[in-house]
Amino acid sequence: MLQLPTVILHHQTVHGSHYDWLWLNPDTRDELLGIRIPHPPDQWQAHTSFNAQPLAPHRLTYLTYQGKVSNGRGSVIQVAKGHVLGNRIGKVGWDWQVHLQGSHAPQSQPNVRVFAITPSLIRCTIRNNDGYGIPA
């Protein structure tokens, strides 16, 4: 089972805002992998699942960085940080127990399946502790 540092950044640009969820690449440990998500983690349970887009690898500095992004790409503010604990699903996804702290951290620590539907579309599904989805 992997335990990797993670951070969620609120990325504000001239075109709007979104959240970048980044975690340490377990293969190289010299970069961050991540996805662009529409909701901060304290709203995940309300949505139960949502689409995301893959991000290019990021520098490790983004685990702690807040401020302007180069080349006029806006700015980032850290809204949650912590670690993910879990396993890969082949080469197409992850099953994570997400442990976060911060201004937008969820009250409970969710389980999240991050799964590539296509190379440009990621599906995130929030699951309860028994793995069968959010109860009605």
N, C-alpha and C. Protein backbone atom coordinates (compact mmCIF):
# COMPACT_ATOMS: atom_id res chain seq x y z
N MET A 1 0.84 -1.18 0.00
CA MET A 1 0.00 0.00 0.00
C MET A 1 0.89 1.24 0.00
N LEU A 2 0.55 2.20 -0.83
CA LEU A 2 1.32 3.44 -0.95
C LEU A 2 0.78 4.51 -0.02
N GLN A 3 1.68 5.30 0.55
CA GLN A 3 1.30 6.52 1.26
C GLN A 3 2.08 7.66 0.63
N LEU A 4 1.37 8.63 0.07
CA LEU A 4 2.00 9.70 -0.69
C LEU A 4 1.49 11.06 -0.23
N PRO A 5 2.37 12.06 -0.14
CA PRO A 5 1.90 13.40 0.19
C PRO A 5 1.00 13.94 -0.92
N THR A 6 0.03 14.74 -0.52
CA THR A 6 -0.92 15.31 -1.48
C THR A 6 -1.27 16.74 -1.07
N VAL A 7 -1.71 17.51 -2.04
CA VAL A 7 -2.14 18.89 -1.80
C VAL A 7 -3.26 19.22 -2.78
N ILE A 8 -4.16 20.10 -2.34
CA ILE A 8 -5.20 20.61 -3.23
C ILE A 8 -5.07 22.12 -3.26
N LEU A 9 -4.91 22.65 -4.47
CA LEU A 9 -4.71 24.07 -4.68
C LEU A 9 -5.92 24.67 -5.39
N HIS A 10 -6.37 25.83 -4.92
CA HIS A 10 -7.39 26.60 -5.63
C HIS A 10 -6.64 27.44 -6.65
N HIS A 11 -6.84 27.16 -7.92
CA HIS A 11 -6.12 27.81 -9.02
C HIS A 11 -7.07 28.83 -9.65
N GLN A 12 -6.72 30.10 -9.52
CA GLN A 12 -7.52 31.18 -10.08
C GLN A 12 -6.81 31.74 -11.30
N THR A 13 -7.56 31.85 -12.41
CA THR A 13 -7.01 32.38 -13.65
C THR A 13 -7.95 33.47 -14.17
N VAL A 14 -7.55 34.13 -15.24
CA VAL A 14 -8.42 35.15 -15.85
C VAL A 14 -9.67 34.49 -16.45
N HIS A 15 -9.64 33.19 -16.67
CA HIS A 15 -10.77 32.47 -17.27
C HIS A 15 -11.69 31.83 -16.23
N GLY A 16 -11.38 31.98 -14.95
CA GLY A 16 -12.18 31.37 -13.90
C GLY A 16 -11.30 30.65 -12.90
N SER A 17 -11.89 29.72 -12.18
CA SER A 17 -11.10 28.99 -11.19
C SER A 17 -11.48 27.52 -11.15
N HIS A 18 -10.58 26.73 -10.62
CA HIS A 18 -10.77 25.29 -10.45
C HIS A 18 -9.82 24.86 -9.34
N TYR A 19 -9.77 23.57 -9.07
CA TYR A 19 -8.89 23.03 -8.04
C TYR A 19 -7.94 22.03 -8.68
N ASP A 20 -6.68 22.10 -8.29
CA ASP A 20 -5.67 21.13 -8.74
C ASP A 20 -5.37 20.20 -7.58
N TRP A 21 -5.61 18.89 -7.79
CA TRP A 21 -5.29 17.88 -6.78
C TRP A 21 -4.00 17.22 -7.24
N LEU A 22 -2.95 17.37 -6.45
CA LEU A 22 -1.62 16.86 -6.79
C LEU A 22 -1.14 15.86 -5.74
N TRP A 23 -0.40 14.83 -6.18
CA TRP A 23 0.21 13.86 -5.26
C TRP A 23 1.56 13.43 -5.83
N LEU A 24 2.41 12.95 -4.93
CA LEU A 24 3.76 12.53 -5.32
C LEU A 24 3.71 11.35 -6.28
N ASN A 25 4.48 11.44 -7.36
CA ASN A 25 4.60 10.32 -8.30
C ASN A 25 5.36 9.20 -7.59
N PRO A 26 4.73 8.03 -7.34
CA PRO A 26 5.40 6.97 -6.60
C PRO A 26 6.53 6.30 -7.37
N ASP A 27 6.55 6.45 -8.69
CA ASP A 27 7.60 5.82 -9.49
C ASP A 27 8.90 6.61 -9.46
N THR A 28 8.80 7.93 -9.64
CA THR A 28 10.01 8.75 -9.72
C THR A 28 10.32 9.49 -8.44
N ARG A 29 9.29 9.82 -7.68
CA ARG A 29 9.39 10.60 -6.44
C ARG A 29 10.07 11.95 -6.65
N ASP A 30 10.09 12.43 -7.91
CA ASP A 30 10.71 13.73 -8.18
C ASP A 30 9.74 14.70 -8.86
N GLU A 31 8.45 14.34 -8.89
CA GLU A 31 7.44 15.20 -9.49
C GLU A 31 6.09 14.85 -8.89
N LEU A 32 5.12 15.73 -9.17
CA LEU A 32 3.75 15.50 -8.70
C LEU A 32 2.86 15.15 -9.88
N LEU A 33 2.01 14.17 -9.69
CA LEU A 33 0.96 13.84 -10.65
C LEU A 33 -0.30 14.56 -10.18
N GLY A 34 -1.27 14.71 -11.06
CA GLY A 34 -2.47 15.36 -10.58
C GLY A 34 -3.56 15.48 -11.59
N ILE A 35 -4.69 16.00 -11.09
CA ILE A 35 -5.88 16.20 -11.89
C ILE A 35 -6.51 17.55 -11.54
N ARG A 36 -7.19 18.13 -12.51
CA ARG A 36 -7.98 19.34 -12.31
C ARG A 36 -9.38 18.91 -11.92
N ILE A 37 -9.83 19.37 -10.76
CA ILE A 37 -11.14 18.97 -10.25
C ILE A 37 -12.04 20.20 -10.09
N PRO A 38 -13.37 20.01 -10.22
CA PRO A 38 -14.28 21.16 -10.16
C PRO A 38 -14.66 21.60 -8.75
N HIS A 39 -14.46 20.73 -7.74
CA HIS A 39 -14.96 21.00 -6.39
C HIS A 39 -13.84 20.84 -5.36
N PRO A 40 -13.85 21.67 -4.31
CA PRO A 40 -12.91 21.44 -3.21
C PRO A 40 -13.32 20.18 -2.44
N PRO A 41 -12.40 19.59 -1.70
CA PRO A 41 -12.71 18.31 -1.04
C PRO A 41 -13.83 18.38 -0.01
N ASP A 42 -14.10 19.54 0.57
CA ASP A 42 -15.20 19.60 1.53
C ASP A 42 -16.56 19.54 0.85
N GLN A 43 -16.60 19.52 -0.48
CA GLN A 43 -17.85 19.37 -1.23
C GLN A 43 -17.96 18.02 -1.94
N TRP A 44 -16.95 17.16 -1.83
CA TRP A 44 -16.96 15.89 -2.57
C TRP A 44 -18.15 15.02 -2.20
N GLN A 45 -18.45 14.87 -0.93
CA GLN A 45 -19.55 13.98 -0.51
C GLN A 45 -20.88 14.40 -1.12
N ALA A 46 -21.09 15.69 -1.32
CA ALA A 46 -22.34 16.18 -1.89
C ALA A 46 -22.48 15.80 -3.36
N HIS A 47 -21.38 15.55 -4.03
CA HIS A 47 -21.42 15.25 -5.46
C HIS A 47 -21.29 13.76 -5.76
N THR A 48 -20.78 12.98 -4.86
CA THR A 48 -20.53 11.53 -4.95
C THR A 48 -19.64 11.11 -6.11
N SER A 49 -19.69 11.81 -7.25
CA SER A 49 -18.74 11.56 -8.33
C SER A 49 -18.68 12.80 -9.20
N PHE A 50 -17.55 12.94 -9.88
CA PHE A 50 -17.36 14.09 -10.76
C PHE A 50 -16.25 13.79 -11.74
N ASN A 51 -16.25 14.53 -12.85
CA ASN A 51 -15.21 14.38 -13.86
C ASN A 51 -14.04 15.30 -13.56
N ALA A 52 -12.88 14.89 -14.02
CA ALA A 52 -11.65 15.66 -13.84
C ALA A 52 -10.80 15.53 -15.10
N GLN A 53 -9.82 16.40 -15.22
CA GLN A 53 -8.90 16.34 -16.35
C GLN A 53 -7.48 16.12 -15.82
N PRO A 54 -6.71 15.29 -16.50
CA PRO A 54 -5.32 15.08 -16.07
C PRO A 54 -4.50 16.34 -16.25
N LEU A 55 -3.54 16.53 -15.36
CA LEU A 55 -2.61 17.65 -15.43
C LEU A 55 -1.23 17.15 -15.84
N ALA A 56 -0.46 18.02 -16.44
CA ALA A 56 0.95 17.71 -16.70
C ALA A 56 1.66 17.58 -15.35
N PRO A 57 2.74 16.81 -15.28
CA PRO A 57 3.48 16.72 -14.01
C PRO A 57 3.88 18.11 -13.51
N HIS A 58 3.85 18.26 -12.20
CA HIS A 58 4.21 19.51 -11.52
C HIS A 58 5.49 19.31 -10.70
N ARG A 59 6.17 20.41 -10.44
CA ARG A 59 7.36 20.38 -9.58
C ARG A 59 6.96 20.11 -8.14
N LEU A 60 7.87 19.52 -7.38
CA LEU A 60 7.61 19.20 -5.97
C LEU A 60 7.30 20.45 -5.14
N THR A 61 7.79 21.58 -5.57
CA THR A 61 7.57 22.81 -4.81
C THR A 61 6.09 23.11 -4.60
N TYR A 62 5.22 22.60 -5.47
CA TYR A 62 3.78 22.86 -5.34
C TYR A 62 3.17 22.16 -4.12
N LEU A 63 3.90 21.28 -3.45
CA LEU A 63 3.39 20.71 -2.20
C LEU A 63 3.24 21.79 -1.13
N THR A 64 4.02 22.88 -1.24
CA THR A 64 3.97 23.94 -0.23
C THR A 64 3.76 25.33 -0.83
N TYR A 65 3.84 25.47 -2.15
CA TYR A 65 3.81 26.79 -2.78
C TYR A 65 2.41 27.40 -2.79
N GLN A 66 2.35 28.71 -2.57
CA GLN A 66 1.16 29.52 -2.77
C GLN A 66 1.62 30.82 -3.41
N GLY A 67 0.89 31.28 -4.41
CA GLY A 67 1.26 32.53 -5.04
C GLY A 67 1.01 32.50 -6.53
N LYS A 68 1.68 33.43 -7.22
CA LYS A 68 1.50 33.55 -8.67
C LYS A 68 2.14 32.38 -9.40
N VAL A 69 1.50 31.98 -10.50
CA VAL A 69 2.01 30.93 -11.38
C VAL A 69 2.67 31.63 -12.57
N SER A 70 3.77 31.10 -13.03
CA SER A 70 4.54 31.74 -14.10
C SER A 70 3.74 31.88 -15.40
N ASN A 71 4.22 32.75 -16.26
CA ASN A 71 3.65 32.99 -17.60
C ASN A 71 2.19 33.44 -17.57
N GLY A 72 1.81 34.20 -16.55
CA GLY A 72 0.48 34.75 -16.49
C GLY A 72 -0.63 33.74 -16.34
N ARG A 73 -0.33 32.59 -15.71
CA ARG A 73 -1.34 31.53 -15.56
C ARG A 73 -2.11 31.61 -14.26
N GLY A 74 -2.17 32.80 -13.66
CA GLY A 74 -2.98 33.00 -12.47
C GLY A 74 -2.20 32.80 -11.18
N SER A 75 -2.93 32.35 -10.16
CA SER A 75 -2.31 32.13 -8.85
C SER A 75 -2.96 30.91 -8.19
N VAL A 76 -2.25 30.37 -7.20
CA VAL A 76 -2.75 29.21 -6.46
C VAL A 76 -2.71 29.49 -4.96
N ILE A 77 -3.73 28.97 -4.28
CA ILE A 77 -3.81 29.02 -2.82
C ILE A 77 -4.06 27.60 -2.34
N GLN A 78 -3.29 27.16 -1.37
CA GLN A 78 -3.47 25.82 -0.81
C GLN A 78 -4.73 25.80 0.05
N VAL A 79 -5.66 24.88 -0.25
CA VAL A 79 -6.89 24.76 0.54
C VAL A 79 -6.92 23.48 1.37
N ALA A 80 -6.06 22.51 1.05
CA ALA A 80 -5.98 21.28 1.83
C ALA A 80 -4.66 20.58 1.52
N LYS A 81 -4.13 19.88 2.53
CA LYS A 81 -2.92 19.09 2.32
C LYS A 81 -2.97 17.89 3.25
N GLY A 82 -2.16 16.90 2.95
CA GLY A 82 -2.12 15.71 3.77
C GLY A 82 -1.47 14.58 3.01
N HIS A 83 -2.13 13.40 3.04
CA HIS A 83 -1.59 12.26 2.30
C HIS A 83 -2.74 11.39 1.79
N VAL A 84 -2.40 10.61 0.78
CA VAL A 84 -3.30 9.59 0.28
C VAL A 84 -2.68 8.24 0.60
N LEU A 85 -3.53 7.29 0.91
CA LEU A 85 -3.10 5.95 1.26
C LEU A 85 -3.90 4.99 0.40
N GLY A 86 -3.23 4.14 -0.37
CA GLY A 86 -3.97 3.22 -1.21
C GLY A 86 -3.13 2.53 -2.25
N ASN A 87 -3.79 2.12 -3.32
CA ASN A 87 -3.16 1.31 -4.35
C ASN A 87 -3.56 1.78 -5.74
N ARG A 88 -2.73 1.41 -6.69
CA ARG A 88 -3.05 1.64 -8.09
C ARG A 88 -4.06 0.63 -8.59
N ILE A 89 -4.81 1.05 -9.61
CA ILE A 89 -5.68 0.15 -10.35
C ILE A 89 -5.01 0.01 -11.71
N GLY A 90 -4.14 -0.96 -11.85
CA GLY A 90 -3.38 -1.11 -13.09
C GLY A 90 -2.65 0.17 -13.45
N LYS A 91 -2.74 0.57 -14.70
CA LYS A 91 -2.13 1.82 -15.14
C LYS A 91 -3.16 2.92 -15.35
N VAL A 92 -4.40 2.68 -14.92
CA VAL A 92 -5.47 3.61 -15.25
C VAL A 92 -6.13 4.29 -14.06
N GLY A 93 -5.68 4.01 -12.85
CA GLY A 93 -6.36 4.66 -11.74
C GLY A 93 -5.76 4.38 -10.39
N TRP A 94 -6.46 4.87 -9.36
CA TRP A 94 -6.03 4.77 -7.97
C TRP A 94 -7.25 4.55 -7.09
N ASP A 95 -7.08 3.81 -6.02
CA ASP A 95 -8.04 3.75 -4.93
C ASP A 95 -7.37 4.38 -3.72
N TRP A 96 -7.89 5.53 -3.29
CA TRP A 96 -7.25 6.28 -2.22
C TRP A 96 -8.13 6.40 -0.99
N GLN A 97 -7.53 6.30 0.19
CA GLN A 97 -8.09 6.85 1.42
C GLN A 97 -7.44 8.22 1.53
N VAL A 98 -8.24 9.26 1.57
CA VAL A 98 -7.72 10.62 1.52
C VAL A 98 -7.73 11.23 2.92
N HIS A 99 -6.57 11.66 3.38
CA HIS A 99 -6.41 12.25 4.72
C HIS A 99 -5.93 13.69 4.53
N LEU A 100 -6.83 14.64 4.80
CA LEU A 100 -6.54 16.04 4.52
C LEU A 100 -6.79 16.92 5.73
N GLN A 101 -6.05 18.04 5.76
CA GLN A 101 -6.26 19.12 6.72
C GLN A 101 -6.25 20.41 5.93
N GLY A 102 -6.93 21.43 6.44
CA GLY A 102 -6.91 22.72 5.79
C GLY A 102 -8.29 23.34 5.72
N SER A 103 -8.36 24.52 5.12
CA SER A 103 -9.60 25.29 5.10
C SER A 103 -10.74 24.61 4.36
N HIS A 104 -10.43 23.74 3.40
CA HIS A 104 -11.48 23.04 2.65
C HIS A 104 -11.39 21.52 2.80
N ALA A 105 -10.78 21.07 3.89
CA ALA A 105 -10.70 19.63 4.13
C ALA A 105 -12.09 19.10 4.51
N PRO A 106 -12.43 17.89 4.07
CA PRO A 106 -13.73 17.32 4.45
C PRO A 106 -13.75 16.98 5.93
N GLN A 107 -14.97 16.91 6.52
CA GLN A 107 -15.09 16.57 7.93
C GLN A 107 -14.67 15.12 8.18
N SER A 108 -15.00 14.23 7.25
CA SER A 108 -14.54 12.85 7.36
C SER A 108 -13.53 12.60 6.24
N GLN A 109 -12.76 11.56 6.39
CA GLN A 109 -11.72 11.25 5.41
C GLN A 109 -12.29 10.31 4.36
N PRO A 110 -12.57 10.80 3.16
CA PRO A 110 -13.25 9.97 2.15
C PRO A 110 -12.32 8.96 1.47
N ASN A 111 -12.95 7.95 0.91
CA ASN A 111 -12.28 7.04 -0.02
C ASN A 111 -12.65 7.51 -1.42
N VAL A 112 -11.67 7.61 -2.28
CA VAL A 112 -11.90 8.13 -3.62
C VAL A 112 -11.27 7.19 -4.63
N ARG A 113 -12.05 6.79 -5.63
CA ARG A 113 -11.52 6.05 -6.77
C ARG A 113 -11.30 7.06 -7.89
N VAL A 114 -10.07 7.15 -8.36
CA VAL A 114 -9.67 8.04 -9.45
C VAL A 114 -9.35 7.13 -10.62
N PHE A 115 -10.14 7.22 -11.70
CA PHE A 115 -10.06 6.23 -12.76
C PHE A 115 -10.12 6.92 -14.12
N ALA A 116 -9.18 6.60 -15.00
CA ALA A 116 -9.15 7.19 -16.34
C ALA A 116 -10.20 6.52 -17.22
N ILE A 117 -11.13 7.33 -17.74
CA ILE A 117 -12.12 6.85 -18.70
C ILE A 117 -11.51 6.89 -20.10
N THR A 118 -10.85 8.00 -20.41
CA THR A 118 -10.07 8.19 -21.63
C THR A 118 -8.79 8.91 -21.22
N PRO A 119 -7.83 9.08 -22.13
CA PRO A 119 -6.62 9.82 -21.74
C PRO A 119 -6.88 11.25 -21.27
N SER A 120 -8.01 11.84 -21.66
CA SER A 120 -8.28 13.22 -21.26
C SER A 120 -9.46 13.35 -20.29
N LEU A 121 -10.03 12.24 -19.83
CA LEU A 121 -11.16 12.28 -18.92
C LEU A 121 -10.94 11.32 -17.76
N ILE A 122 -10.98 11.88 -16.55
CA ILE A 122 -10.82 11.11 -15.32
C ILE A 122 -12.16 11.15 -14.59
N ARG A 123 -12.55 10.04 -13.99
CA ARG A 123 -13.77 9.99 -13.19
C ARG A 123 -13.35 9.76 -11.74
N CYS A 124 -13.84 10.61 -10.84
CA CYS A 124 -13.60 10.46 -9.41
C CYS A 124 -14.90 10.05 -8.75
N THR A 125 -14.87 8.96 -8.00
CA THR A 125 -16.05 8.47 -7.30
C THR A 125 -15.75 8.42 -5.82
N ILE A 126 -16.61 9.06 -5.04
CA ILE A 126 -16.46 9.08 -3.59
C ILE A 126 -17.19 7.86 -3.04
N ARG A 127 -16.49 7.14 -2.15
CA ARG A 127 -17.06 5.90 -1.62
C ARG A 127 -17.06 5.94 -0.11
N ASN A 128 -18.02 5.23 0.50
CA ASN A 128 -18.00 5.13 1.95
C ASN A 128 -17.00 4.05 2.37
N ASN A 129 -16.85 3.84 3.65
CA ASN A 129 -15.79 2.95 4.15
C ASN A 129 -15.95 1.50 3.76
N ASP A 130 -17.17 1.05 3.46
CA ASP A 130 -17.32 -0.36 3.06
C ASP A 130 -17.12 -0.56 1.57
N GLY A 131 -16.88 0.53 0.82
CA GLY A 131 -16.55 0.42 -0.58
C GLY A 131 -17.74 0.31 -1.51
N TYR A 132 -18.96 0.46 -1.01
CA TYR A 132 -20.13 0.26 -1.87
C TYR A 132 -20.82 1.54 -2.27
N GLY A 133 -20.18 2.64 -2.13
CA GLY A 133 -20.76 3.90 -2.55
C GLY A 133 -21.45 4.63 -1.41
N ILE A 134 -21.85 5.84 -1.68
CA ILE A 134 -22.48 6.68 -0.69
C ILE A 134 -23.89 6.18 -0.43
N PRO A 135 -24.28 6.00 0.85
CA PRO A 135 -25.64 5.54 1.13
C PRO A 135 -26.65 6.60 0.73
N ALA A 136 -27.84 6.15 0.34
CA ALA A 136 -28.90 7.08 -0.09
C ALA A 136 -29.46 7.85 1.10
